[in-house]
């Protein structure tokens, strides 16, 4: 790890520590004037129910890893079986253009694996 990365890591750990103390109700350098008086303060509820910021970041990273990445642009993927091989067939229900009696039809793609239209 480079010296720069170590400095950034130390700064992030300091910020994490300060956030933890603020979440636990410790005094910080923030002003309390920004809190609206119309919002009632919770009456002596236990604070451990609130997760640490570092835990929230880890949870968000895990959720991002679990989300399926979209297919590479320009590549068709079957929604049913996940296959990538398709037959291109003219869709006779959609006429795109007609010139001199010749009709140009839209194409529909049928999965070779399961037969689903894409």
PDB file of N, CA and C in Angstrom:
ATOM      1  N   UNK A   1       0.855  -1.170   0.000  1.00  0.00           N
ATOM      2  CA  UNK A   1       0.000   0.000   0.000  1.00  0.00           C
ATOM      3  C   UNK A   1       0.899   1.231   0.000  1.00  0.00           C
ATOM      4  N   UNK A   2       0.609   2.183  -0.883  1.00  0.00           N
ATOM      5  CA  UNK A   2       1.438   3.374  -0.994  1.00  0.00           C
ATOM      6  C   UNK A   2       1.198   4.311   0.183  1.00  0.00           C
ATOM      7  N   UNK A   3       2.071   5.285   0.295  1.00  0.00           N
ATOM      8  CA  UNK A   3       1.980   6.243   1.405  1.00  0.00           C
ATOM      9  C   UNK A   3       0.691   7.055   1.292  1.00  0.00           C
ATOM     10  N   UNK A   4       0.341   7.419   0.064  1.00  0.00           N
ATOM     11  CA  UNK A   4      -0.892   8.173  -0.165  1.00  0.00           C
ATOM     12  C   UNK A   4      -2.113   7.365   0.270  1.00  0.00           C
ATOM     13  N   UNK A   5      -2.160   6.093  -0.105  1.00  0.00           N
ATOM     14  CA  UNK A   5      -3.286   5.241   0.274  1.00  0.00           C
ATOM     15  C   UNK A   5      -3.378   5.080   1.778  1.00  0.00           C
ATOM     16  N   UNK A   6      -2.213   5.010   2.442  1.00  0.00           N
ATOM     17  CA  UNK A   6      -2.216   4.898   3.899  1.00  0.00           C
ATOM     18  C   UNK A   6      -2.770   6.164   4.538  1.00  0.00           C
ATOM     19  N   UNK A   7      -2.406   7.331   4.001  1.00  0.00           N
ATOM     20  CA  UNK A   7      -2.919   8.590   4.542  1.00  0.00           C
ATOM     21  C   UNK A   7      -4.434   8.677   4.354  1.00  0.00           C
ATOM     22  N   UNK A   8      -4.907   8.289   3.158  1.00  0.00           N
ATOM     23  CA  UNK A   8      -6.336   8.329   2.899  1.00  0.00           C
ATOM     24  C   UNK A   8      -7.066   7.367   3.821  1.00  0.00           C
ATOM     25  N   UNK A   9      -6.520   6.176   4.015  1.00  0.00           N
ATOM     26  CA  UNK A   9      -7.136   5.198   4.902  1.00  0.00           C
ATOM     27  C   UNK A   9      -7.209   5.726   6.332  1.00  0.00           C
ATOM     28  N   UNK A  10      -6.142   6.378   6.794  1.00  0.00           N
ATOM     29  CA  UNK A  10      -6.140   6.940   8.148  1.00  0.00           C
ATOM     30  C   UNK A  10      -7.188   8.044   8.279  1.00  0.00           C
ATOM     31  N   UNK A  11      -7.307   8.898   7.262  1.00  0.00           N
ATOM     32  CA  UNK A  11      -8.318   9.953   7.297  1.00  0.00           C
ATOM     33  C   UNK A  11      -9.726   9.356   7.327  1.00  0.00           C
ATOM     34  N   UNK A  12      -9.947   8.326   6.543  1.00  0.00           N
ATOM     35  CA  UNK A  12     -11.257   7.685   6.539  1.00  0.00           C
ATOM     36  C   UNK A  12     -11.572   7.033   7.885  1.00  0.00           C
ATOM     37  N   UNK A  13     -10.568   6.449   8.503  1.00  0.00           N
ATOM     38  CA  UNK A  13     -10.784   5.853   9.827  1.00  0.00           C
ATOM     39  C   UNK A  13     -11.091   6.931  10.856  1.00  0.00           C
ATOM     40  N   UNK A  14     -10.429   8.086  10.748  1.00  0.00           N
ATOM     41  CA  UNK A  14     -10.720   9.200  11.661  1.00  0.00           C
ATOM     42  C   UNK A  14     -12.154   9.690  11.483  1.00  0.00           C
ATOM     43  N   UNK A  15     -12.567   9.822  10.222  1.00  0.00           N
ATOM     44  CA  UNK A  15     -13.930  10.268   9.943  1.00  0.00           C
ATOM     45  C   UNK A  15     -14.932   9.249  10.470  1.00  0.00           C
ATOM     46  N   UNK A  16     -14.644   7.970  10.284  1.00  0.00           N
ATOM     47  CA  UNK A  16     -15.523   6.915  10.777  1.00  0.00           C
ATOM     48  C   UNK A  16     -15.650   6.983  12.302  1.00  0.00           C
ATOM     49  N   UNK A  17     -14.528   7.213  12.977  1.00  0.00           N
ATOM     50  CA  UNK A  17     -14.565   7.335  14.428  1.00  0.00           C
ATOM     51  C   UNK A  17     -15.392   8.522  14.888  1.00  0.00           C
ATOM     52  N   UNK A  18     -15.241   9.654  14.186  1.00  0.00           N
ATOM     53  CA  UNK A  18     -16.020  10.845  14.541  1.00  0.00           C
ATOM     54  C   UNK A  18     -17.507  10.616  14.302  1.00  0.00           C
ATOM     55  N   UNK A  19     -17.840   9.940  13.201  1.00  0.00           N
ATOM     56  CA  UNK A  19     -19.246   9.639  12.938  1.00  0.00           C
ATOM     57  C   UNK A  19     -19.817   8.705  13.999  1.00  0.00           C
ATOM     58  N   UNK A  20     -19.021   7.738  14.419  1.00  0.00           N
ATOM     59  CA  UNK A  20     -19.484   6.830  15.466  1.00  0.00           C
ATOM     60  C   UNK A  20     -19.784   7.583  16.760  1.00  0.00           C
ATOM     61  N   UNK A  21     -18.912   8.527  17.129  1.00  0.00           N
ATOM     62  CA  UNK A  21     -19.154   9.286  18.364  1.00  0.00           C
ATOM     63  C   UNK A  21     -20.388  10.170  18.221  1.00  0.00           C
ATOM     64  N   UNK A  22     -20.603  10.728  17.017  1.00  0.00           N
ATOM     65  CA  UNK A  22     -21.799  11.538  16.821  1.00  0.00           C
ATOM     66  C   UNK A  22     -23.060  10.699  16.895  1.00  0.00           C
ATOM     67  N   UNK A  23     -23.011   9.495  16.342  1.00  0.00           N
ATOM     68  CA  UNK A  23     -24.182   8.629  16.384  1.00  0.00           C
ATOM     69  C   UNK A  23     -24.478   8.136  17.794  1.00  0.00           C
ATOM     70  N   UNK A  24     -23.449   8.012  18.598  1.00  0.00           N
ATOM     71  CA  UNK A  24     -23.644   7.568  19.979  1.00  0.00           C
ATOM     72  C   UNK A  24     -24.110   8.702  20.877  1.00  0.00           C
ATOM     73  N   UNK A  25     -24.178   9.913  20.339  1.00  0.00           N
ATOM     74  CA  UNK A  25     -24.673  11.037  21.125  1.00  0.00           C
ATOM     75  C   UNK A  25     -23.559  11.863  21.738  1.00  0.00           C
ATOM     76  N   UNK A  26     -22.348  11.640  21.332  1.00  0.00           N
ATOM     77  CA  UNK A  26     -21.236  12.434  21.831  1.00  0.00           C
ATOM     78  C   UNK A  26     -21.280  13.830  21.262  1.00  0.00           C
ATOM     79  N   UNK A  27     -20.541  14.727  21.906  1.00  0.00           N
ATOM     80  CA  UNK A  27     -20.525  16.098  21.421  1.00  0.00           C
ATOM     81  C   UNK A  27     -19.528  16.220  20.284  1.00  0.00           C
ATOM     82  N   UNK A  28     -19.893  16.944  19.295  1.00  0.00           N
ATOM     83  CA  UNK A  28     -19.031  17.153  18.144  1.00  0.00           C
ATOM     84  C   UNK A  28     -18.940  18.625  17.832  1.00  0.00           C
ATOM     85  N   UNK A  29     -18.387  18.953  16.706  1.00  0.00           N
ATOM     86  CA  UNK A  29     -18.224  20.341  16.328  1.00  0.00           C
ATOM     87  C   UNK A  29     -19.421  20.864  15.559  1.00  0.00           C
ATOM     88  N   UNK A  30     -20.424  20.030  15.334  1.00  0.00           N
ATOM     89  CA  UNK A  30     -21.596  20.494  14.598  1.00  0.00           C
ATOM     90  C   UNK A  30     -22.488  21.309  15.513  1.00  0.00           C
ATOM     91  N   UNK A  31     -23.211  22.249  14.926  1.00  0.00           N
ATOM     92  CA  UNK A  31     -24.104  23.085  15.717  1.00  0.00           C
ATOM     93  C   UNK A  31     -25.463  22.411  15.800  1.00  0.00           C
ATOM     94  N   UNK A  32     -26.149  22.650  16.899  1.00  0.00           N
ATOM     95  CA  UNK A  32     -27.466  22.062  17.092  1.00  0.00           C
ATOM     96  C   UNK A  32     -28.552  22.972  16.564  1.00  0.00           C
ATOM     97  N   UNK A  33     -28.204  24.125  16.007  1.00  0.00           N
ATOM     98  CA  UNK A  33     -29.192  25.053  15.477  1.00  0.00           C
ATOM     99  C   UNK A  33     -29.831  24.524  14.202  1.00  0.00           C
ATOM    100  N   UNK A  34     -29.196  23.578  13.547  1.00  0.00           N
ATOM    101  CA  UNK A  34     -29.741  23.051  12.299  1.00  0.00           C
ATOM    102  C   UNK A  34     -30.880  22.069  12.542  1.00  0.00           C
ATOM    103  N   UNK A  35     -31.040  21.591  13.756  1.00  0.00           N
ATOM    104  CA  UNK A  35     -32.114  20.658  14.078  1.00  0.00           C
ATOM    105  C   UNK A  35     -33.400  21.443  14.251  1.00  0.00           C
ATOM    106  N   UNK A  36     -34.451  21.012  13.588  1.00  0.00           N
ATOM    107  CA  UNK A  36     -35.723  21.719  13.692  1.00  0.00           C
ATOM    108  C   UNK A  36     -36.390  21.390  15.012  1.00  0.00           C
ATOM    109  N   UNK A  37     -36.899  22.402  15.700  1.00  0.00           N
ATOM    110  CA  UNK A  37     -37.523  22.148  17.003  1.00  0.00           C
ATOM    111  C   UNK A  37     -38.867  21.443  16.890  1.00  0.00           C
ATOM    112  N   UNK A  38     -39.484  21.410  15.697  1.00  0.00           N
ATOM    113  CA  UNK A  38     -40.790  20.769  15.578  1.00  0.00           C
ATOM    114  C   UNK A  38     -40.696  19.249  15.630  1.00  0.00           C
ATOM    115  N   UNK A  39     -39.502  18.695  15.418  1.00  0.00           N
ATOM    116  CA  UNK A  39     -39.335  17.245  15.458  1.00  0.00           C
ATOM    117  C   UNK A  39     -39.071  16.839  16.905  1.00  0.00           C
ATOM    118  N   UNK A  40     -39.938  16.019  17.492  1.00  0.00           N
ATOM    119  CA  UNK A  40     -39.713  15.621  18.885  1.00  0.00           C
ATOM    120  C   UNK A  40     -38.532  14.659  18.983  1.00  0.00           C
ATOM    121  N   UNK A  41     -37.762  14.838  20.046  1.00  0.00           N
ATOM    122  CA  UNK A  41     -36.616  13.963  20.293  1.00  0.00           C
ATOM    123  C   UNK A  41     -37.112  12.628  20.823  1.00  0.00           C
ATOM    124  N   UNK A  42     -36.480  11.529  20.429  1.00  0.00           N
ATOM    125  CA  UNK A  42     -36.905  10.225  20.960  1.00  0.00           C
ATOM    126  C   UNK A  42     -36.682  10.158  22.471  1.00  0.00           C
ATOM    127  N   UNK A  43     -37.618   9.581  23.145  1.00  0.00           N
ATOM    128  CA  UNK A  43     -37.567   9.540  24.596  1.00  0.00           C
ATOM    129  C   UNK A  43     -36.778   8.328  25.070  1.00  0.00           C
ATOM    130  N   UNK A  44     -35.511   8.513  25.334  1.00  0.00           N
ATOM    131  CA  UNK A  44     -34.613   7.522  25.934  1.00  0.00           C
ATOM    132  C   UNK A  44     -34.679   6.159  25.245  1.00  0.00           C
ATOM    133  N   UNK A  45     -34.628   6.158  23.906  1.00  0.00           N
ATOM    134  CA  UNK A  45     -34.582   4.893  23.182  1.00  0.00           C
ATOM    135  C   UNK A  45     -33.139   4.416  23.130  1.00  0.00           C
ATOM    136  N   UNK A  46     -32.931   3.133  23.138  1.00  0.00           N
ATOM    137  CA  UNK A  46     -31.557   2.643  23.077  1.00  0.00           C
ATOM    138  C   UNK A  46     -30.931   2.938  21.713  1.00  0.00           C
ATOM    139  N   UNK A  47     -29.714   3.459  21.704  1.00  0.00           N
ATOM    140  CA  UNK A  47     -29.005   3.830  20.489  1.00  0.00           C
ATOM    141  C   UNK A  47     -28.366   2.657  19.745  1.00  0.00           C
ATOM    142  N   UNK A  48     -28.083   1.510  20.367  1.00  0.00           N
ATOM    143  CA  UNK A  48     -27.421   0.436  19.632  1.00  0.00           C
ATOM    144  C   UNK A  48     -28.209  -0.097  18.427  1.00  0.00           C
ATOM    145  N   UNK A  49     -29.476   0.288  18.280  1.00  0.00           N
ATOM    146  CA  UNK A  49     -30.246  -0.186  17.137  1.00  0.00           C
ATOM    147  C   UNK A  49     -29.777   0.461  15.834  1.00  0.00           C
ATOM    148  N   UNK A  50     -29.067   1.563  15.907  1.00  0.00           N
ATOM    149  CA  UNK A  50     -28.575   2.252  14.726  1.00  0.00           C
ATOM    150  C   UNK A  50     -27.217   1.667  14.328  1.00  0.00           C
ATOM    151  N   UNK A  51     -27.075   1.192  13.080  1.00  0.00           N
ATOM    152  CA  UNK A  51     -25.804   0.587  12.658  1.00  0.00           C
ATOM    153  C   UNK A  51     -24.720   1.638  12.457  1.00  0.00           C
ATOM    154  N   UNK A  52     -23.485   1.196  12.522  1.00  0.00           N
ATOM    155  CA  UNK A  52     -22.353   2.078  12.301  1.00  0.00           C
ATOM    156  C   UNK A  52     -22.283   2.461  10.829  1.00  0.00           C
ATOM    157  N   UNK A  53     -21.719   3.621  10.528  1.00  0.00           N
ATOM    158  CA  UNK A  53     -21.582   4.011   9.127  1.00  0.00           C
ATOM    159  C   UNK A  53     -20.737   3.030   8.316  1.00  0.00           C
ATOM    160  N   UNK A  54     -19.711   2.478   8.946  1.00  0.00           N
ATOM    161  CA  UNK A  54     -18.878   1.526   8.222  1.00  0.00           C
ATOM    162  C   UNK A  54     -19.672   0.264   7.871  1.00  0.00           C
ATOM    163  N   UNK A  55     -20.590  -0.132   8.757  1.00  0.00           N
ATOM    164  CA  UNK A  55     -21.434  -1.287   8.473  1.00  0.00           C
ATOM    165  C   UNK A  55     -22.400  -0.984   7.333  1.00  0.00           C
ATOM    166  N   UNK A  56     -22.906   0.267   7.280  1.00  0.00           N
ATOM    167  CA  UNK A  56     -23.793   0.660   6.196  1.00  0.00           C
ATOM    168  C   UNK A  56     -23.072   0.619   4.854  1.00  0.00           C
ATOM    169  N   UNK A  57     -21.821   1.089   4.851  1.00  0.00           N
ATOM    170  CA  UNK A  57     -21.034   1.091   3.619  1.00  0.00           C
ATOM    171  C   UNK A  57     -20.789  -0.339   3.160  1.00  0.00           C
ATOM    172  N   UNK A  58     -20.445  -1.219   4.084  1.00  0.00           N
ATOM    173  CA  UNK A  58     -20.219  -2.628   3.738  1.00  0.00           C
ATOM    174  C   UNK A  58     -21.497  -3.268   3.194  1.00  0.00           C
ATOM    175  N   UNK A  59     -22.631  -2.927   3.797  1.00  0.00           N
ATOM    176  CA  UNK A  59     -23.905  -3.473   3.343  1.00  0.00           C
ATOM    177  C   UNK A  59     -24.222  -2.982   1.934  1.00  0.00           C
ATOM    178  N   UNK A  60     -23.967  -1.700   1.661  1.00  0.00           N
ATOM    179  CA  UNK A  60     -24.212  -1.155   0.326  1.00  0.00           C
ATOM    180  C   UNK A  60     -23.311  -1.813  -0.706  1.00  0.00           C
ATOM    181  N   UNK A  61     -22.052  -2.039  -0.357  1.00  0.00           N
ATOM    182  CA  UNK A  61     -21.134  -2.693  -1.283  1.00  0.00           C
ATOM    183  C   UNK A  61     -21.597  -4.114  -1.586  1.00  0.00           C
ATOM    184  N   UNK A  62     -22.070  -4.819  -0.570  1.00  0.00           N
ATOM    185  CA  UNK A  62     -22.558  -6.185  -0.766  1.00  0.00           C
ATOM    186  C   UNK A  62     -23.791  -6.193  -1.664  1.00  0.00           C
ATOM    187  N   UNK A  63     -24.705  -5.225  -1.466  1.00  0.00           N
ATOM    188  CA  UNK A  63     -25.893  -5.138  -2.304  1.00  0.00           C
ATOM    189  C   UNK A  63     -25.519  -4.848  -3.757  1.00  0.00           C
ATOM    190  N   UNK A  64     -24.518  -3.989  -3.959  1.00  0.00           N
ATOM    191  CA  UNK A  64     -24.073  -3.680  -5.317  1.00  0.00           C
ATOM    192  C   UNK A  64     -23.492  -4.919  -5.989  1.00  0.00           C
ATOM    193  N   UNK A  65     -22.787  -5.739  -5.227  1.00  0.00           N
ATOM    194  CA  UNK A  65     -22.217  -6.962  -5.790  1.00  0.00           C
ATOM    195  C   UNK A  65     -23.304  -7.952  -6.180  1.00  0.00           C
ATOM    196  N   UNK A  66     -24.404  -7.971  -5.422  1.00  0.00           N
ATOM    197  CA  UNK A  66     -25.465  -8.929  -5.679  1.00  0.00           C
ATOM    198  C   UNK A  66     -26.348  -8.542  -6.861  1.00  0.00           C
ATOM    199  N   UNK A  67     -26.406  -7.244  -7.161  1.00  0.00           N
ATOM    200  CA  UNK A  67     -27.248  -6.796  -8.269  1.00  0.00           C
ATOM    201  C   UNK A  67     -26.653  -7.313  -9.567  1.00  0.00           C
ATOM    202  N   UNK A  68     -27.523  -7.897 -10.398  1.00  0.00           N
ATOM    203  CA  UNK A  68     -27.060  -8.414 -11.674  1.00  0.00           C
ATOM    204  C   UNK A  68     -26.640  -7.261 -12.551  1.00  0.00           C
ATOM    205  N   UNK A  69     -25.481  -7.412 -13.159  1.00  0.00           N
ATOM    206  CA  UNK A  69     -25.018  -6.385 -14.069  1.00  0.00           C
ATOM    207  C   UNK A  69     -25.745  -6.559 -15.393  1.00  0.00           C
ATOM    208  N   UNK A  70     -26.091  -5.440 -16.039  1.00  0.00           N
ATOM    209  CA  UNK A  70     -26.778  -5.563 -17.325  1.00  0.00           C
ATOM    210  C   UNK A  70     -25.848  -6.172 -18.365  1.00  0.00           C
ATOM    211  N   UNK A  71     -26.412  -6.816 -19.368  1.00  0.00           N
ATOM    212  CA  UNK A  71     -25.566  -7.431 -20.388  1.00  0.00           C
ATOM    213  C   UNK A  71     -24.770  -6.379 -21.148  1.00  0.00           C
ATOM    214  N   UNK A  72     -23.715  -6.832 -21.764  1.00  0.00           N
ATOM    215  CA  UNK A  72     -22.886  -5.935 -22.550  1.00  0.00           C
ATOM    216  C   UNK A  72     -23.756  -5.324 -23.644  1.00  0.00           C
ATOM    217  N   UNK A  73     -23.587  -4.033 -23.868  1.00  0.00           N
ATOM    218  CA  UNK A  73     -24.427  -3.331 -24.825  1.00  0.00           C
ATOM    219  C   UNK A  73     -24.303  -3.960 -26.207  1.00  0.00           C
ATOM    220  N   UNK A  74     -25.433  -4.159 -26.849  1.00  0.00           N
ATOM    221  CA  UNK A  74     -25.435  -4.745 -28.172  1.00  0.00           C
ATOM    222  C   UNK A  74     -25.584  -6.256 -28.162  1.00  0.00           C
ATOM    223  N   UNK A  75     -25.588  -6.864 -27.015  1.00  0.00           N
ATOM    224  CA  UNK A  75     -25.703  -8.319 -26.924  1.00  0.00           C
ATOM    225  C   UNK A  75     -27.067  -8.671 -26.365  1.00  0.00           C
ATOM    226  N   UNK A  76     -27.767  -9.545 -27.019  1.00  0.00           N
ATOM    227  CA  UNK A  76     -29.086  -9.970 -26.549  1.00  0.00           C
ATOM    228  C   UNK A  76     -28.924 -11.125 -25.565  1.00  0.00           C
ATOM    229  N   UNK A  77     -29.711 -11.075 -24.518  1.00  0.00           N
ATOM    230  CA  UNK A  77     -29.725 -12.147 -23.525  1.00  0.00           C
ATOM    231  C   UNK A  77     -31.177 -12.523 -23.283  1.00  0.00           C
ATOM    232  N   UNK A  78     -31.455 -13.805 -23.337  1.00  0.00           N
ATOM    233  CA  UNK A  78     -32.816 -14.296 -23.123  1.00  0.00           C
ATOM    234  C   UNK A  78     -33.230 -14.063 -21.674  1.00  0.00           C
ATOM    235  N   UNK A  79     -34.434 -13.518 -21.481  1.00  0.00           N
ATOM    236  CA  UNK A  79     -34.913 -13.256 -20.126  1.00  0.00           C
ATOM    237  C   UNK A  79     -35.352 -14.537 -19.417  1.00  0.00           C
ATOM    238  N   UNK A  80     -35.644 -15.584 -20.185  1.00  0.00           N
ATOM    239  CA  UNK A  80     -36.106 -16.835 -19.594  1.00  0.00           C
ATOM    240  C   UNK A  80     -34.948 -17.746 -19.175  1.00  0.00           C
ATOM    241  N   UNK A  81     -34.041 -18.016 -20.139  1.00  0.00           N
ATOM    242  CA  UNK A  81     -32.993 -19.008 -19.861  1.00  0.00           C
ATOM    243  C   UNK A  81     -31.592 -18.406 -19.803  1.00  0.00           C
ATOM    244  N   UNK A  82     -31.428 -17.143 -20.180  1.00  0.00           N
ATOM    245  CA  UNK A  82     -30.108 -16.509 -20.140  1.00  0.00           C
ATOM    246  C   UNK A  82     -29.257 -16.830 -21.356  1.00  0.00           C
ATOM    247  N   UNK A  83     -29.813 -17.485 -22.359  1.00  0.00           N
ATOM    248  CA  UNK A  83     -29.069 -17.832 -23.567  1.00  0.00           C
ATOM    249  C   UNK A  83     -28.771 -16.607 -24.410  1.00  0.00           C
ATOM    250  N   UNK A  84     -27.779 -16.738 -25.301  1.00  0.00           N
ATOM    251  CA  UNK A  84     -27.395 -15.613 -26.143  1.00  0.00           C
ATOM    252  C   UNK A  84     -27.489 -15.926 -27.626  1.00  0.00           C
ATOM    253  N   UNK A  85     -28.058 -17.059 -28.010  1.00  0.00           N
ATOM    254  CA  UNK A  85     -28.190 -17.380 -29.431  1.00  0.00           C
ATOM    255  C   UNK A  85     -29.666 -17.294 -29.823  1.00  0.00           C
ATOM    256  N   UNK A  86     -29.915 -16.559 -30.915  1.00  0.00           N
ATOM    257  CA  UNK A  86     -31.283 -16.277 -31.332  1.00  0.00           C
ATOM    258  C   UNK A  86     -31.440 -16.500 -32.830  1.00  0.00           C
ATOM    259  N   UNK A  87     -32.663 -16.814 -33.231  1.00  0.00           N
ATOM    260  CA  UNK A  87     -33.044 -16.832 -34.632  1.00  0.00           C
ATOM    261  C   UNK A  87     -33.769 -15.522 -34.925  1.00  0.00           C
ATOM    262  N   UNK A  88     -33.374 -14.835 -36.013  1.00  0.00           N
ATOM    263  CA  UNK A  88     -34.050 -13.608 -36.424  1.00  0.00           C
ATOM    264  C   UNK A  88     -35.143 -13.984 -37.416  1.00  0.00           C
ATOM    265  N   UNK A  89     -36.398 -13.601 -37.100  1.00  0.00           N
ATOM    266  CA  UNK A  89     -37.555 -13.927 -37.922  1.00  0.00           C
ATOM    267  C   UNK A  89     -38.296 -12.627 -38.217  1.00  0.00           C
ATOM    268  N   UNK A  90     -38.830 -12.504 -39.431  1.00  0.00           N
ATOM    269  CA  UNK A  90     -39.616 -11.318 -39.757  1.00  0.00           C
ATOM    270  C   UNK A  90     -40.915 -11.328 -38.966  1.00  0.00           C
ATOM    271  N   UNK A  91     -41.249 -10.179 -38.400  1.00  0.00           N
ATOM    272  CA  UNK A  91     -42.493 -10.022 -37.655  1.00  0.00           C
ATOM    273  C   UNK A  91     -43.533  -9.443 -38.605  1.00  0.00           C
ATOM    274  N   UNK A  92     -44.380 -10.288 -39.163  1.00  0.00           N
ATOM    275  CA  UNK A  92     -45.349  -9.878 -40.189  1.00  0.00           C
ATOM    276  C   UNK A  92     -46.418  -8.930 -39.639  1.00  0.00           C
ATOM    277  N   UNK A  93     -46.517  -8.800 -38.335  1.00  0.00           N
ATOM    278  CA  UNK A  93     -47.524  -7.913 -37.761  1.00  0.00           C
ATOM    279  C   UNK A  93     -47.049  -6.458 -37.735  1.00  0.00           C
ATOM    280  N   UNK A  94     -45.755  -6.210 -37.968  1.00  0.00           N
ATOM    281  CA  UNK A  94     -45.216  -4.850 -37.928  1.00  0.00           C
ATOM    282  C   UNK A  94     -44.555  -4.515 -39.269  1.00  0.00           C
ATOM    283  N   UNK A  95     -45.215  -3.702 -40.057  1.00  0.00           N
ATOM    284  CA  UNK A  95     -44.649  -3.251 -41.327  1.00  0.00           C
ATOM    285  C   UNK A  95     -43.901  -1.953 -41.047  1.00  0.00           C
ATOM    286  N   UNK A  96     -42.596  -1.949 -41.324  1.00  0.00           N
ATOM    287  CA  UNK A  96     -41.801  -0.762 -41.090  1.00  0.00           C
ATOM    288  C   UNK A  96     -41.886   0.216 -42.265  1.00  0.00           C
ATOM    289  N   UNK A  97     -41.863  -0.340 -43.488  1.00  0.00           N
ATOM    290  CA  UNK A  97     -41.827   0.524 -44.657  1.00  0.00           C
ATOM    291  C   UNK A  97     -42.381  -0.243 -45.853  1.00  0.00           C
ATOM    292  N   UNK A  98     -43.029   0.479 -46.757  1.00  0.00           N
ATOM    293  CA  UNK A  98     -43.534  -0.150 -47.970  1.00  0.00           C
ATOM    294  C   UNK A  98     -43.207   0.756 -49.148  1.00  0.00           C
ATOM    295  N   UNK A  99     -42.512   0.186 -50.125  1.00  0.00           N
ATOM    296  CA  UNK A  99     -42.142   0.968 -51.298  1.00  0.00           C
ATOM    297  C   UNK A  99     -42.357   0.110 -52.542  1.00  0.00           C
ATOM    298  N   UNK A 100     -43.204   0.561 -53.447  1.00  0.00           N
ATOM    299  CA  UNK A 100     -43.452  -0.152 -54.691  1.00  0.00           C
ATOM    300  C   UNK A 100     -43.992  -1.543 -54.489  1.00  0.00           C
ATOM    301  N   UNK A 101     -44.803  -1.746 -53.491  1.00  0.00           N
ATOM    302  CA  UNK A 101     -45.384  -3.050 -53.246  1.00  0.00           C
ATOM    303  C   UNK A 101     -44.509  -3.985 -52.425  1.00  0.00           C
ATOM    304  N   UNK A 102     -43.284  -3.574 -52.130  1.00  0.00           N
ATOM    305  CA  UNK A 102     -42.388  -4.400 -51.315  1.00  0.00           C
ATOM    306  C   UNK A 102     -42.463  -3.900 -49.870  1.00  0.00           C
ATOM    307  N   UNK A 103     -42.788  -4.812 -48.985  1.00  0.00           N
ATOM    308  CA  UNK A 103     -42.923  -4.441 -47.576  1.00  0.00           C
ATOM    309  C   UNK A 103     -41.651  -4.832 -46.817  1.00  0.00           C
ATOM    310  N   UNK A 104     -41.245  -3.948 -45.953  1.00  0.00           N
ATOM    311  CA  UNK A 104     -40.113  -4.215 -45.065  1.00  0.00           C
ATOM    312  C   UNK A 104     -40.704  -4.436 -43.675  1.00  0.00           C
ATOM    313  N   UNK A 105     -40.448  -5.615 -43.120  1.00  0.00           N
ATOM    314  CA  UNK A 105     -41.015  -5.978 -41.823  1.00  0.00           C
ATOM    315  C   UNK A 105     -39.988  -5.815 -40.711  1.00  0.00           C
ATOM    316  N   UNK A 106     -40.493  -5.628 -39.505  1.00  0.00           N
ATOM    317  CA  UNK A 106     -39.638  -5.615 -38.323  1.00  0.00           C
ATOM    318  C   UNK A 106     -39.163  -7.037 -38.056  1.00  0.00           C
ATOM    319  N   UNK A 107     -38.103  -7.156 -37.269  1.00  0.00           N
ATOM    320  CA  UNK A 107     -37.599  -8.482 -36.916  1.00  0.00           C
ATOM    321  C   UNK A 107     -37.933  -8.775 -35.466  1.00  0.00           C
ATOM    322  N   UNK A 108     -38.163 -10.036 -35.196  1.00  0.00           N
ATOM    323  CA  UNK A 108     -38.274 -10.469 -33.811  1.00  0.00           C
ATOM    324  C   UNK A 108     -37.266 -11.593 -33.618  1.00  0.00           C
ATOM    325  N   UNK A 109     -36.772 -11.688 -32.432  1.00  0.00           N
ATOM    326  CA  UNK A 109     -35.714 -12.647 -32.132  1.00  0.00           C
ATOM    327  C   UNK A 109     -36.271 -13.728 -31.226  1.00  0.00           C
ATOM    328  N   UNK A 110     -36.050 -14.976 -31.626  1.00  0.00           N
ATOM    329  CA  UNK A 110     -36.544 -16.121 -30.860  1.00  0.00           C
ATOM    330  C   UNK A 110     -35.345 -16.892 -30.341  1.00  0.00           C
ATOM    331  N   UNK A 111     -35.344 -17.144 -29.051  1.00  0.00           N
ATOM    332  CA  UNK A 111     -34.231 -17.853 -28.398  1.00  0.00           C
ATOM    333  C   UNK A 111     -34.160 -19.286 -28.925  1.00  0.00           C
ATOM    334  N   UNK A 112     -32.947 -19.712 -29.255  1.00  0.00           N
ATOM    335  CA  UNK A 112     -32.755 -21.091 -29.735  1.00  0.00           C
ATOM    336  C   UNK A 112     -32.863 -22.089 -28.588  1.00  0.00           C
ATOM    337  N   UNK A 113     -32.618 -21.647 -27.366  1.00  0.00           N
ATOM    338  CA  UNK A 113     -32.638 -22.549 -26.219  1.00  0.00           C
ATOM    339  C   UNK A 113     -34.028 -22.880 -25.729  1.00  0.00           C
ATOM    340  N   UNK A 114     -34.855 -21.840 -25.554  1.00  0.00           N
ATOM    341  CA  UNK A 114     -36.161 -22.080 -24.927  1.00  0.00           C
ATOM    342  C   UNK A 114     -37.330 -21.655 -25.796  1.00  0.00           C
ATOM    343  N   UNK A 115     -37.091 -20.911 -26.871  1.00  0.00           N
ATOM    344  CA  UNK A 115     -38.166 -20.500 -27.750  1.00  0.00           C
ATOM    345  C   UNK A 115     -38.863 -19.214 -27.344  1.00  0.00           C
ATOM    346  N   UNK A 116     -38.377 -18.523 -26.355  1.00  0.00           N
ATOM    347  CA  UNK A 116     -38.998 -17.283 -25.907  1.00  0.00           C
ATOM    348  C   UNK A 116     -38.620 -16.147 -26.851  1.00  0.00           C
ATOM    349  N   UNK A 117     -39.554 -15.196 -27.033  1.00  0.00           N
ATOM    350  CA  UNK A 117     -39.256 -14.031 -27.857  1.00  0.00           C
ATOM    351  C   UNK A 117     -38.504 -13.004 -27.036  1.00  0.00           C
ATOM    352  N   UNK A 118     -37.540 -12.369 -27.701  1.00  0.00           N
ATOM    353  CA  UNK A 118     -36.765 -11.330 -27.030  1.00  0.00           C
ATOM    354  C   UNK A 118     -36.940 -10.019 -27.744  1.00  0.00           C
TER     355      UNK A 118
END
